[in-house]
Amino acid sequence: MEQTEGCLKTFAYWDPGFLDQKRLLNAQTGKLEPVSVRPRGSDRVQVGGRAVPATRYALSADDLSIDLWYNDELGWVGLASDTGKAGRLVYRRM
C-alpha cells in the first residue's frame, strides 16, 4: 500500500483546487494517478444558451486526456474527453 502525506484530492472536476496537484486519487481503482495539468488560455463556452468566458486547461494522466473549462463566477462549466472508441464525451453546464 502506498502512503502519502497531506490531503488527497480526487478527479473532482467541479473543484478547481485540484488543478495544482501532481497526483490524484482515482476513486474507481483506489490508486494515486500521476497527472499533468497545463493552462490552455481563454475560451468561450455555451452555458444556458449564452457564451461565457472561460479558462481552458488540459489534464493528462496515463491514457487519459481531458479538456476542462472554468468561469470565474460559475466555476466548472465544461469537460471534453475522447472515449477511445471514436467518440467524444462532452459535459457542459446548463
Protein backbone atom coordinates (compact mmCIF):
# COMPACT_ATOMS: atom_id res chain seq x y z
CA MET A 1 0.00 0.00 0.00
CA GLU A 2 1.29 3.43 -0.97
CA GLN A 3 1.46 6.09 1.72
CA THR A 4 1.29 9.82 1.16
CA GLU A 5 1.22 12.99 3.23
CA GLY A 6 -1.30 15.79 3.19
CA CYS A 7 -4.82 15.91 1.85
CA LEU A 8 -5.52 13.77 -1.21
CA LYS A 9 -7.67 15.14 -3.97
CA THR A 10 -9.71 13.15 -6.45
CA PHE A 11 -10.69 13.80 -10.06
CA ALA A 12 -13.40 16.18 -8.75
CA TYR A 13 -13.61 18.50 -11.74
CA TRP A 14 -16.04 20.93 -10.10
CA ASP A 15 -13.29 21.87 -7.61
CA PRO A 16 -10.60 23.91 -9.45
CA GLY A 17 -8.35 23.38 -6.41
CA PHE A 18 -7.35 20.02 -7.87
CA LEU A 19 -5.66 21.70 -10.85
CA ASP A 20 -2.40 22.27 -8.96
CA GLN A 21 -1.99 18.63 -7.91
CA LYS A 22 0.71 16.30 -9.26
CA ARG A 23 -1.22 13.15 -8.26
CA LEU A 24 -4.94 12.50 -7.88
CA LEU A 25 -6.78 9.66 -6.20
CA ASN A 26 -8.68 7.52 -8.69
CA ALA A 27 -11.90 6.69 -6.81
CA GLN A 28 -12.58 3.72 -9.12
CA THR A 29 -9.24 1.98 -8.51
CA GLY A 30 -8.14 3.45 -5.17
CA LYS A 31 -4.74 4.28 -6.71
CA LEU A 32 -2.87 7.57 -6.89
CA GLU A 33 -2.52 8.63 -10.52
CA PRO A 34 0.25 10.97 -11.69
CA VAL A 35 -1.32 13.86 -13.59
CA SER A 36 -0.19 16.84 -15.62
CA VAL A 37 -2.35 19.97 -15.92
CA ARG A 38 -1.49 22.72 -18.39
CA PRO A 39 -3.36 26.01 -18.86
CA ARG A 40 -4.57 26.43 -22.44
CA GLY A 41 -5.70 30.05 -22.37
CA SER A 42 -9.01 31.84 -22.70
CA ASP A 43 -12.04 30.43 -24.45
CA ARG A 44 -15.83 30.79 -24.57
CA VAL A 45 -18.29 28.08 -23.52
CA GLN A 46 -22.04 27.84 -24.03
CA VAL A 47 -23.86 27.89 -20.67
CA GLY A 48 -27.63 28.10 -20.60
CA GLY A 49 -27.80 29.37 -24.16
CA ARG A 50 -25.16 32.08 -23.84
CA ALA A 51 -21.42 32.14 -24.41
CA VAL A 52 -19.42 32.86 -21.25
CA PRO A 53 -15.69 33.49 -20.92
CA ALA A 54 -13.75 30.52 -19.57
CA THR A 55 -10.20 29.44 -18.88
CA ARG A 56 -9.27 26.14 -20.51
CA TYR A 57 -6.97 23.50 -19.00
CA ALA A 58 -5.61 20.25 -20.44
CA LEU A 59 -5.33 17.38 -17.96
CA SER A 60 -3.44 14.21 -18.86
CA ALA A 61 -2.82 11.01 -16.90
CA ASP A 62 -1.56 7.75 -18.43
CA ASP A 63 -4.09 7.07 -21.21
CA LEU A 64 -6.45 9.87 -20.13
CA SER A 65 -6.70 13.26 -21.83
CA ILE A 66 -9.32 15.76 -20.67
CA ASP A 67 -10.04 19.39 -21.53
CA LEU A 68 -11.63 21.40 -18.72
CA TRP A 69 -13.18 24.88 -18.71
CA TYR A 70 -13.76 27.18 -15.70
CA ASN A 71 -15.56 30.51 -15.45
CA ASP A 72 -14.58 32.94 -12.65
CA GLU A 73 -18.19 33.31 -11.42
CA LEU A 74 -19.75 29.96 -12.32
CA GLY A 75 -16.85 27.62 -11.60
CA TRP A 76 -16.62 24.44 -13.69
CA VAL A 77 -18.52 24.92 -16.97
CA GLY A 78 -17.25 22.17 -19.26
CA LEU A 79 -15.33 18.98 -19.89
CA ALA A 80 -14.42 17.14 -23.08
CA SER A 81 -12.56 13.86 -23.49
CA ASP A 82 -12.03 11.24 -26.17
CA THR A 83 -13.72 7.95 -25.27
CA GLY A 84 -11.17 5.79 -27.08
CA LYS A 85 -13.97 4.36 -29.24
CA ALA A 86 -14.00 7.03 -31.95
CA GLY A 87 -16.29 9.18 -29.81
CA ARG A 88 -16.02 12.25 -27.65
CA LEU A 89 -17.63 12.72 -24.22
CA VAL A 90 -18.69 16.33 -23.56
CA TYR A 91 -20.22 17.84 -20.43
CA ARG A 92 -21.50 21.42 -20.41
CA ARG A 93 -23.05 23.29 -17.54
CA MET A 94 -26.72 24.04 -18.14
